[in-house]
Protein backbone atom coordinates (compact mmCIF):
# COMPACT_ATOMS: atom_id res chain seq x y z
CA MET A 1 71.36 238.20 -35.53
CA ASP A 2 68.94 239.10 -38.28
CA ARG A 3 65.27 238.06 -36.99
CA THR A 4 63.87 237.82 -40.43
CA GLN A 5 63.79 234.84 -43.21
CA THR A 6 63.01 235.18 -46.69
CA LEU A 7 61.42 232.74 -49.15
CA SER A 8 62.92 231.90 -52.54
CA VAL A 9 66.43 232.38 -51.61
CA ALA A 10 68.51 230.57 -54.17
CA GLY A 11 70.79 228.07 -53.03
CA ASP A 12 70.03 226.73 -49.62
CA ILE A 13 66.98 224.21 -49.23
CA GLY A 14 66.62 223.13 -46.10
CA GLY A 15 70.46 223.21 -45.34
CA ILE A 16 71.12 221.16 -48.75
CA ASP A 17 72.57 223.03 -51.52
CA ALA A 18 70.24 223.06 -54.71
CA ILE A 19 71.33 222.00 -58.23
CA GLU A 20 70.30 224.15 -61.12
CA THR A 21 68.67 221.34 -63.49
CA PRO A 22 66.22 221.37 -66.76
CA HIS A 23 62.83 220.19 -66.29
CA LEU A 24 59.86 219.50 -68.61
CA PHE A 25 56.27 220.10 -67.69
CA LEU A 26 53.10 218.33 -68.88
CA VAL A 27 51.03 221.30 -68.70
CA LEU A 28 47.99 220.81 -69.82
CA GLN A 29 45.79 218.83 -72.43
CA SER A 30 43.18 221.00 -74.19
CA HIS A 31 40.85 218.60 -75.14
CA ARG A 32 40.72 217.39 -71.39
CA MET A 33 41.43 220.40 -68.90
CA ALA A 34 40.48 218.08 -65.67
CA ALA A 35 43.52 215.66 -66.92
CA PRO A 36 46.58 216.20 -64.11
CA PRO A 37 49.61 217.41 -65.18
CA ALA A 38 53.23 216.33 -64.14
CA ARG A 39 57.16 217.37 -63.82
CA ILE A 40 59.97 215.79 -64.83
CA ARG A 41 63.57 216.57 -63.76
CA LEU A 42 65.76 215.88 -66.61
CA ALA A 43 69.04 215.66 -64.63
CA GLY A 44 71.07 212.18 -65.52
CA LEU A 45 68.63 211.91 -68.41
CA GLU A 46 69.78 211.44 -72.30
CA GLU A 47 66.21 211.03 -73.60
CA MET A 48 62.92 211.95 -73.69
CA ILE A 49 60.16 210.23 -75.82
CA LEU A 50 56.63 212.01 -75.97
CA GLY A 51 53.43 210.30 -77.75
CA ARG A 52 50.39 209.14 -77.36
CA GLY A 53 48.82 205.89 -74.91
CA PRO A 54 46.03 204.21 -74.38
CA GLU A 55 46.41 206.07 -70.88
CA GLN A 56 48.39 208.90 -69.28
CA ARG A 57 51.74 207.62 -68.01
CA ILE A 58 55.25 208.30 -67.64
CA GLU A 59 57.55 205.09 -68.19
CA GLN A 60 61.24 204.61 -68.05
CA PRO A 61 62.58 202.18 -69.93
CA ASN A 62 65.94 202.38 -68.98
CA THR A 63 68.06 204.78 -66.27
CA GLN A 64 68.54 207.26 -69.09
CA CYS A 65 65.15 207.64 -70.65
CA ILE A 66 61.29 208.34 -70.02
CA ALA A 67 58.41 208.35 -71.91
CA VAL A 68 55.32 210.28 -71.40
CA ARG A 69 52.26 209.31 -73.05
CA THR A 70 49.00 211.15 -73.08
CA PRO A 71 45.50 209.65 -74.76
CA ASP A 72 45.32 212.22 -77.10
CA PRO A 73 43.82 211.06 -80.47
CA TRP A 74 45.87 214.01 -81.96
CA MET A 75 49.44 212.63 -80.98
CA SER A 76 51.32 210.10 -82.74
CA SER A 77 52.80 206.94 -80.62
CA THR A 78 56.10 208.12 -80.51
CA HIS A 79 55.67 212.34 -81.78
CA ALA A 80 58.66 213.91 -80.23
CA ARG A 81 61.78 213.08 -79.11
CA MET A 82 63.83 215.30 -76.74
CA ILE A 83 67.75 214.28 -76.66
CA ARG A 84 70.22 216.08 -74.55
CA ALA A 85 73.44 217.64 -76.28
CA LEU A 86 76.08 218.45 -74.27
CA ASN A 87 74.41 220.59 -71.57
CA ARG A 88 71.63 221.18 -73.49
CA TRP A 89 68.49 219.83 -74.78
CA VAL A 90 67.15 219.64 -78.45
CA ILE A 91 64.23 218.20 -79.91
CA GLU A 92 62.63 216.97 -82.94
CA ASP A 93 59.61 215.60 -84.58
CA ALA A 94 59.63 211.74 -84.75
CA GLY A 95 57.38 211.64 -88.19
CA SER A 96 54.33 212.65 -86.32
CA LYS A 97 50.84 212.68 -88.51
CA ASN A 98 50.36 216.28 -87.36
CA GLY A 99 53.40 217.70 -86.83
CA SER A 100 54.62 219.56 -84.05
CA LEU A 101 55.02 223.05 -82.67
CA LEU A 102 57.63 225.28 -80.79
CA SER A 103 56.45 228.08 -79.19
CA GLY A 104 54.12 228.54 -81.82
CA ALA A 105 56.34 227.74 -85.00
CA PRO A 106 56.45 224.29 -87.07
CA LEU A 107 59.39 222.05 -85.88
CA THR A 108 60.46 221.04 -89.28
CA ALA A 109 64.47 220.27 -88.17
CA ARG A 110 66.08 219.40 -84.53
CA ALA A 111 66.02 222.79 -82.70
CA THR A 112 67.95 223.52 -79.22
CA LEU A 113 65.53 224.51 -76.33
CA GLU A 114 65.52 227.45 -74.63
CA ASP A 115 63.67 228.22 -71.10
CA GLY A 116 60.44 228.82 -71.61
CA ASP A 117 59.83 227.25 -74.58
CA ILE A 118 56.04 225.68 -75.12
CA ILE A 119 56.10 222.31 -77.01
CA GLU A 120 52.94 221.60 -78.76
CA LEU A 121 51.80 218.03 -79.63
CA GLY A 122 48.33 217.63 -80.79
CA HIS A 123 46.19 218.62 -77.98
CA THR A 124 48.81 218.47 -75.46
CA PHE A 125 51.41 221.06 -74.22
CA PHE A 126 54.48 221.05 -72.51
CA VAL A 127 56.82 223.63 -71.14
CA TYR A 128 60.84 223.46 -70.90
CA ARG A 129 62.44 225.41 -68.32
CA HIS A 130 66.50 225.09 -68.59
CA ALA A 131 67.29 225.99 -65.16
CA LEU A 132 65.17 225.08 -62.18
CA ARG A 133 66.43 224.43 -58.50
CA ALA A 134 66.35 220.97 -57.28
CA ALA A 135 67.46 219.28 -54.22
CA PRO A 136 69.13 216.22 -54.10
CA GLY A 137 66.43 214.29 -52.48
CA GLU A 138 63.63 215.21 -54.23
CA PRO A 139 61.63 213.05 -56.43
CA PRO A 140 62.35 212.97 -60.41
CA ILE A 141 58.92 212.81 -61.28
CA LEU A 142 56.16 214.66 -60.14
CA ASP A 143 52.57 213.33 -61.18
CA LEU A 144 49.74 215.43 -59.59
CA ALA A 145 47.36 211.96 -60.20
CA GLN A 146 49.29 210.69 -57.75
CA HIS A 147 50.14 213.52 -55.84
CA PRO A 148 47.20 215.91 -55.44
CA ALA A 149 47.49 217.96 -52.39
CA ALA A 150 47.52 221.52 -52.63
CA LEU A 151 49.82 223.65 -49.78
CA LEU A 152 48.17 226.59 -48.43
CA GLY A 153 45.64 226.21 -51.36
CA PHE A 154 48.02 226.52 -54.05
CA ALA A 155 48.76 223.43 -56.13
CA THR A 156 51.64 224.18 -58.34
CA LEU A 157 54.55 222.17 -60.36
CA SER A 158 56.96 224.71 -59.59
CA PRO A 159 59.49 222.88 -57.48
CA ASP A 160 60.61 226.39 -55.96
CA LEU A 161 57.51 227.51 -55.07
CA GLU A 162 56.38 223.87 -53.60
CA ARG A 163 59.15 224.37 -50.93
CA ASP A 164 58.37 228.00 -50.43
CA LEU A 165 54.74 226.93 -49.38
CA GLU A 166 56.40 223.82 -47.19
CA LYS A 167 58.11 226.30 -45.26
CA LEU A 168 55.52 228.91 -45.05
CA ALA A 169 53.16 225.95 -43.53
CA THR A 170 55.22 225.53 -41.05
CA VAL A 171 55.95 229.40 -40.38
CA ALA A 172 52.37 229.94 -40.19
CA ARG A 173 52.06 227.78 -37.29
CA ALA A 174 53.80 229.69 -35.51
CA ALA A 175 53.22 233.55 -33.88
CA ILE A 176 55.65 235.36 -35.72
CA PRO A 177 54.21 238.28 -38.58
CA VAL A 178 54.89 237.60 -42.42
CA ILE A 179 55.25 239.80 -44.93
CA ILE A 180 53.78 238.23 -48.08
CA GLU A 181 55.12 240.21 -51.18
CA GLY A 182 54.16 240.01 -55.14
CA GLU A 183 52.58 241.60 -57.88
CA THR A 184 48.68 242.77 -57.75
CA GLY A 185 46.73 239.56 -58.86
CA THR A 186 48.91 236.98 -57.48
CA GLY A 187 47.00 235.69 -54.71
CA LYS A 188 48.15 236.99 -51.65
CA GLU A 189 45.22 237.72 -49.47
CA VAL A 190 44.05 233.75 -50.36
CA LEU A 191 47.82 232.79 -48.93
CA ALA A 192 47.13 235.21 -46.14
CA ARG A 193 44.02 232.77 -45.72
CA ALA A 194 45.51 230.13 -45.54
CA VAL A 195 48.21 231.18 -43.10
CA HIS A 196 45.53 232.27 -40.85
CA ASP A 197 43.82 228.77 -41.11
CA LEU A 198 46.77 227.14 -40.03
CA SER A 199 47.54 229.25 -37.31
CA GLY A 200 44.85 227.73 -34.85
CA ARG A 201 43.82 230.97 -34.21
CA ARG A 202 40.25 231.39 -32.91
CA GLY A 203 39.71 234.85 -33.92
CA GLU A 204 38.76 236.10 -37.74
CA LEU A 205 40.86 237.10 -40.26
CA VAL A 206 40.54 240.58 -40.62
CA ALA A 207 41.49 242.46 -44.06
CA VAL A 208 41.89 245.74 -44.61
CA ASN A 209 43.43 247.39 -47.82
CA CYS A 210 45.43 249.91 -46.36
CA GLY A 211 45.38 252.00 -50.27
CA ALA A 212 41.44 251.84 -49.91
CA LEU A 213 41.38 253.65 -46.56
CA PRO A 214 40.69 257.53 -46.56
CA GLN A 215 43.90 259.50 -45.46
CA ASN A 216 42.13 261.65 -42.98
CA LEU A 217 40.53 258.48 -41.07
CA VAL A 218 43.13 255.79 -41.51
CA GLU A 219 44.03 255.93 -37.40
CA GLY A 220 40.02 255.80 -36.61
CA GLU A 221 39.40 252.95 -39.13
CA LEU A 222 42.74 251.06 -37.63
CA PHE A 223 42.86 251.99 -33.94
CA GLY A 224 39.32 253.20 -33.54
CA HIS A 225 37.58 256.00 -31.93
CA ARG A 226 35.49 257.53 -29.25
CA ARG A 227 32.20 259.58 -29.90
CA GLY A 228 33.42 263.09 -30.58
CA ALA A 229 37.15 262.07 -30.99
CA PHE A 230 36.42 264.29 -34.43
CA SER A 231 33.41 265.48 -36.58
CA GLY A 232 31.54 262.85 -37.22
CA ALA A 233 32.48 260.37 -34.65
CA THR A 234 28.60 260.45 -33.40
CA GLU A 235 29.49 256.54 -31.79
CA ASP A 236 32.28 254.66 -30.09
CA ARG A 237 34.18 252.52 -32.85
CA PRO A 238 36.44 249.73 -31.79
CA GLY A 239 38.35 249.82 -35.30
CA LEU A 240 39.94 246.96 -37.50
CA ILE A 241 42.82 246.11 -35.30
CA ARG A 242 40.63 245.24 -32.20
CA ALA A 243 38.06 243.52 -34.77
CA ALA A 244 40.92 241.08 -35.10
CA ASP A 245 41.58 240.35 -31.55
CA GLY A 246 42.19 237.01 -31.13
CA GLY A 247 42.58 236.58 -34.40
CA THR A 248 44.71 237.55 -37.87
CA LEU A 249 45.10 241.21 -39.25
CA LEU A 250 45.89 241.36 -42.60
CA LEU A 251 47.18 244.51 -43.51
CA ASP A 252 46.94 244.85 -47.46
CA GLU A 253 49.08 247.09 -49.86
CA ILE A 254 50.90 248.02 -46.59
CA GLY A 255 53.03 250.35 -48.44
CA GLU A 256 50.42 252.57 -48.90
CA LEU A 257 50.29 253.40 -45.15
CA PRO A 258 51.12 257.11 -44.19
CA ALA A 259 53.60 258.21 -41.41
CA PRO A 260 51.47 258.99 -38.79
CA ALA A 261 49.73 255.38 -39.54
CA GLN A 262 53.03 253.83 -39.33
CA ALA A 263 54.34 255.12 -36.06
CA ALA A 264 51.28 254.61 -34.59
CA LEU A 265 50.79 250.54 -35.87
CA LEU A 266 54.27 250.31 -34.26
CA ARG A 267 53.50 251.09 -31.01
CA VAL A 268 50.47 248.48 -31.01
CA LEU A 269 52.86 246.17 -32.42
CA GLU A 270 55.52 246.72 -29.78
CA ALA A 271 53.41 247.32 -26.90
CA ARG A 272 50.41 244.85 -28.22
CA GLU A 273 47.69 247.33 -27.04
CA VAL A 274 45.29 249.85 -28.81
CA LEU A 275 44.69 253.49 -28.15
CA PRO A 276 41.64 254.32 -29.99
CA VAL A 277 41.37 257.89 -31.15
CA GLY A 278 39.90 260.24 -28.55
CA ALA A 279 41.10 257.56 -25.43
CA THR A 280 43.27 258.52 -22.82
CA LYS A 281 43.70 254.64 -21.88
CA PRO A 282 45.29 251.74 -24.01
CA VAL A 283 43.44 249.10 -24.94
CA PRO A 284 45.37 245.90 -24.87
CA VAL A 285 44.76 243.32 -27.97
CA ASP A 286 46.25 239.74 -28.97
CA VAL A 287 46.61 239.87 -32.96
CA ARG A 288 49.06 238.23 -35.21
CA VAL A 289 49.98 240.72 -38.01
CA LEU A 290 50.65 239.64 -41.68
CA ALA A 291 51.38 242.20 -44.04
CA ALA A 292 50.89 241.92 -48.19
CA THR A 293 52.14 244.22 -50.85
CA HIS A 294 52.91 244.89 -54.55
CA ARG A 295 55.47 247.13 -53.77
CA SER A 296 59.09 247.01 -52.41
CA LEU A 297 59.26 247.91 -48.92
CA ASP A 298 63.08 247.62 -49.12
CA ALA A 299 63.15 250.15 -51.34
CA MET A 300 60.81 252.53 -49.62
CA VAL A 301 63.30 252.16 -46.57
CA GLU A 302 66.06 253.24 -48.05
CA GLN A 303 63.79 255.86 -49.65
CA GLY A 304 62.66 257.12 -46.32
CA SER A 305 58.95 256.74 -46.90
CA PHE A 306 58.67 253.62 -44.87
CA ARG A 307 59.60 252.91 -41.32
CA ARG A 308 62.89 251.07 -40.76
CA ASP A 309 61.71 249.82 -37.51
CA LEU A 310 58.18 248.96 -38.39
CA PHE A 311 59.31 247.25 -41.60
CA ASN A 312 62.00 245.17 -38.91
CA ARG A 313 58.75 244.40 -36.54
CA LEU A 314 56.63 243.40 -39.71
CA ALA A 315 59.28 241.12 -41.43
CA GLY A 316 59.37 237.93 -38.83
CA TYR A 317 59.34 236.10 -42.41
CA ARG A 318 59.07 237.15 -46.01
CA ALA A 319 57.25 235.00 -48.54
CA ARG A 320 57.34 236.30 -52.45
CA LEU A 321 54.52 234.81 -54.42
CA PRO A 322 55.87 234.76 -58.20
CA PRO A 323 53.92 236.54 -61.13
CA LEU A 324 52.10 233.88 -63.09
CA ARG A 325 54.80 234.48 -66.04
CA GLU A 326 57.30 233.29 -63.52
CA ARG A 327 55.52 230.19 -63.05
CA ILE A 328 53.67 229.65 -66.70
CA GLU A 329 54.05 225.62 -66.07
CA ASP A 330 51.03 226.10 -63.26
CA LEU A 331 48.60 227.62 -65.91
CA GLY A 332 47.22 224.14 -66.59
CA ILE A 333 46.45 223.82 -62.84
CA LEU A 334 45.09 227.16 -62.61
CA ALA A 335 43.03 226.90 -65.79
CA ALA A 336 41.25 223.92 -64.35
CA SER A 337 40.79 225.09 -60.91
CA LEU A 338 39.16 228.30 -62.31
CA LEU A 339 37.03 226.79 -64.79
CA SER A 340 35.68 224.38 -62.07
CA ARG A 341 34.50 227.11 -60.20
CA ILE A 342 33.18 228.85 -63.15
CA ALA A 343 31.41 226.00 -64.52
CA PRO A 344 28.07 224.70 -63.58
CA ALA A 345 28.00 222.07 -60.75
CA GLY A 346 28.24 218.91 -61.82
CA ALA A 347 29.17 219.95 -65.28
CA ALA A 348 32.71 218.72 -67.23
CA LEU A 349 35.05 221.32 -67.82
CA PRO A 350 34.85 223.01 -71.04
CA ALA A 351 37.63 222.14 -73.44
CA ILE A 352 39.85 225.01 -74.78
CA GLN A 353 40.90 224.66 -78.26
CA PRO A 354 44.70 224.67 -79.15
CA LYS A 355 45.12 228.24 -80.77
CA ALA A 356 43.39 229.50 -77.62
CA ALA A 357 45.28 227.17 -75.35
CA ARG A 358 48.36 228.38 -77.20
CA ALA A 359 47.72 232.09 -76.51
CA LEU A 360 46.83 231.60 -73.11
CA LEU A 361 50.56 230.12 -72.04
CA GLN A 362 52.25 233.15 -74.32
CA CYS A 363 50.56 236.07 -72.54
CA PHE A 364 52.51 237.96 -70.37
CA TRP A 365 49.92 238.06 -67.90
CA PRO A 366 50.44 241.76 -66.34
CA GLY A 367 47.26 240.77 -64.15
CA ASN A 368 48.54 237.37 -62.90
CA ILE A 369 45.83 235.20 -61.97
CA ARG A 370 43.18 237.76 -61.31
CA GLN A 371 43.48 238.43 -65.12
CA LEU A 372 43.27 234.82 -65.77
CA GLU A 373 40.05 234.53 -63.85
CA LYS A 374 38.23 237.13 -65.47
CA ALA A 375 39.64 236.02 -69.18
CA LEU A 376 38.38 232.94 -68.66
CA SER A 377 35.22 233.91 -67.23
CA SER A 378 34.26 235.67 -69.78
CA ALA A 379 35.54 233.26 -72.67
CA ALA A 380 33.34 230.31 -71.24
CA ALA A 381 30.57 232.96 -71.05
CA LEU A 382 31.01 233.48 -74.64
CA ALA A 383 31.87 229.82 -75.71
CA LYS A 384 27.78 228.76 -74.48
CA GLY A 385 29.37 225.07 -73.52
CA SER A 386 31.13 224.26 -76.35
CA ALA A 387 35.05 224.58 -76.24
CA ILE A 388 36.27 228.19 -75.47
CA GLY A 389 38.30 229.05 -78.66
CA LEU A 390 40.54 231.92 -79.77
CA GLU A 391 37.84 233.96 -80.78
CA HIS A 392 36.42 233.56 -77.26
CA LEU A 393 39.23 235.44 -75.94
CA PRO A 394 39.84 238.88 -74.72
CA ASP A 395 41.37 241.14 -77.40
CA ASP A 396 44.41 241.85 -75.58
CA ILE A 397 45.17 238.30 -74.73
CA ARG A 398 44.40 237.07 -78.59
CA ALA A 399 46.87 240.01 -79.65
CA ALA A 400 49.68 239.95 -76.80
CA PRO A 401 52.18 236.83 -76.65
CA ALA A 402 54.70 236.81 -74.22
CA GLU A 403 57.43 239.51 -74.20
CA ASP A 404 60.01 238.41 -77.04
CA LYS A 405 63.35 236.74 -75.56
CA ASN A 406 65.76 237.99 -78.32
CA GLN A 407 64.26 241.87 -78.30
CA ASN A 408 66.58 244.55 -77.79
CA PRO A 409 67.07 245.95 -74.29
CA ALA A 410 65.14 248.94 -75.14
CA GLY A 411 62.16 247.19 -76.61
CA GLY A 412 62.50 245.25 -73.34
CA GLU A 413 62.04 248.49 -71.55
CA GLU A 414 59.54 249.53 -73.57
CA ALA A 415 57.19 245.92 -73.04
CA ALA A 416 57.81 246.32 -69.59
CA ALA A 417 56.39 249.82 -69.09
CA ARG A 418 53.48 248.96 -71.66
CA ASN A 419 52.84 245.12 -69.39
CA GLN A 420 53.29 247.70 -66.01
CA LEU A 421 50.62 250.06 -67.28
CA VAL A 422 48.11 247.43 -68.43
CA ALA A 423 48.19 246.00 -65.09
CA MET A 424 47.27 249.19 -63.24
CA LEU A 425 44.27 249.68 -65.75
CA ILE A 426 42.93 246.16 -64.76
CA GLU A 427 43.59 247.12 -61.11
CA HIS A 428 41.98 250.26 -60.97
CA LYS A 429 39.48 249.33 -63.69
CA GLY A 430 40.30 251.57 -66.33
CA ASN A 431 40.16 254.36 -63.58
CA VAL A 432 43.01 256.99 -64.97
CA SER A 433 42.51 259.44 -62.48
CA ALA A 434 43.13 256.61 -60.25
CA ILE A 435 46.24 255.49 -61.77
CA ALA A 436 47.67 259.17 -62.15
CA ARG A 437 47.27 259.23 -57.92
CA ALA A 438 48.88 255.71 -57.72
CA THR A 439 51.52 256.89 -59.86
CA GLY A 440 51.91 260.48 -58.57
CA LYS A 441 51.58 261.68 -62.30
CA ALA A 442 49.14 264.09 -63.59
CA ARG A 443 45.78 262.57 -65.26
CA MET A 444 47.52 263.93 -68.45
CA GLN A 445 50.47 262.08 -68.51
CA VAL A 446 48.71 258.74 -67.72
CA GLN A 447 46.54 259.66 -70.90
CA ARG A 448 50.00 260.46 -73.01
CA TRP A 449 51.05 256.86 -71.67
CA LEU A 450 47.88 255.41 -72.98
CA LYS A 451 48.11 256.74 -76.51
CA ARG A 452 51.69 255.94 -76.17
CA TYR A 453 50.86 252.17 -75.84
CA GLY A 454 47.97 252.14 -77.61
CA LEU A 455 45.73 251.20 -74.74
CA ASP A 456 41.88 251.92 -74.01
CA PRO A 457 40.67 252.64 -70.59
CA GLU A 458 37.24 251.87 -71.29
CA ARG A 459 38.28 247.82 -72.50
CA TYR A 460 38.78 247.54 -68.72
CA ARG A 461 35.92 249.27 -66.46
CA GLY A 462 33.53 247.11 -65.58
């Protein structure tokens, strides 16, 4: 039997078949960023009413209708209606004073909603998702005003991610190793720390960036070394694995570990002991191993660049953190959390002007949460305590809306390549040589890519 399990596997939620159903998310109210978001499952409904009320509340006047009210002075009491038409949902403005926008365009007639559409009413933003998995027993309405708890440090409206975090919270209390997969900037180390905190292990969490270890010193850094084991080894060093004895070792960017170190790490996991470089006697260790990667280890195993036996040892459980563009309904939660850390102690969260909020929701976010944090930090500083406007956001966010869902396949490939290059510029802080090393390409080739996509590495430095 395969001992590995994978989060985000469609079709099975705790033994109950999932059904795909439309959802509407109240993502953010840009004039009051601390307002709680909400999720509404649309299965079984025929109508949604969106409008202003004296306080934020979700009403259900009958079994087939839900009304969402927010105290947004720029909204009308009945601002817009969503109506089910066969297996699709359509939206229409209900004669509002200030009008409605659908994905940035004025809503002048009834329109069919597409997955990921952004509904902008006054200063309030909703996101429509056409087919998200839901278990029959899940509540149809999730209002974070009544359900504020975060799982493993992640507050989320995404039903998929919510279930995945619940599973991982259970796994965290076991001793099995875990691989956390996800793009750069999705929060893999935050999740690893939460797993460690839940594990009950008394030792420390020791995080190791495998990609940052000098190639000729990897084994000495990980496994320790004896004095005189190699040139420059002037004293005994216990190594990072022994530093995590009794705790948790996080091997970040495990895919960057060279082949000799992979073999040595496999011996550590199998024998639960480490042999320092230059030593003749192994030292026992009690360590729980978590691994994180932005690369496809499955592909690396097939290519022969990552050991299959080591992969099987590490993959006691596999967790995937989705990129921000796949959980855009969480942007309000994330922005409020980041702004609360940025704002001075005791200060109210800064408001975000609607045009700026729209740009944040339409951005593709190749750098994920890390890019969002940097964007909000700089924008809040430039706003000087006032509402964050479009002019305060970085150029790449103002000028780079999300990929056009209707573009041709060639355009999609080009956009994906550009976004991947932007993500690497963010990760390597505009260092062209580092990007060349990471991609295995010549520096001149990276320069050609930058010219092709109109990207300036200087903007990503510092």
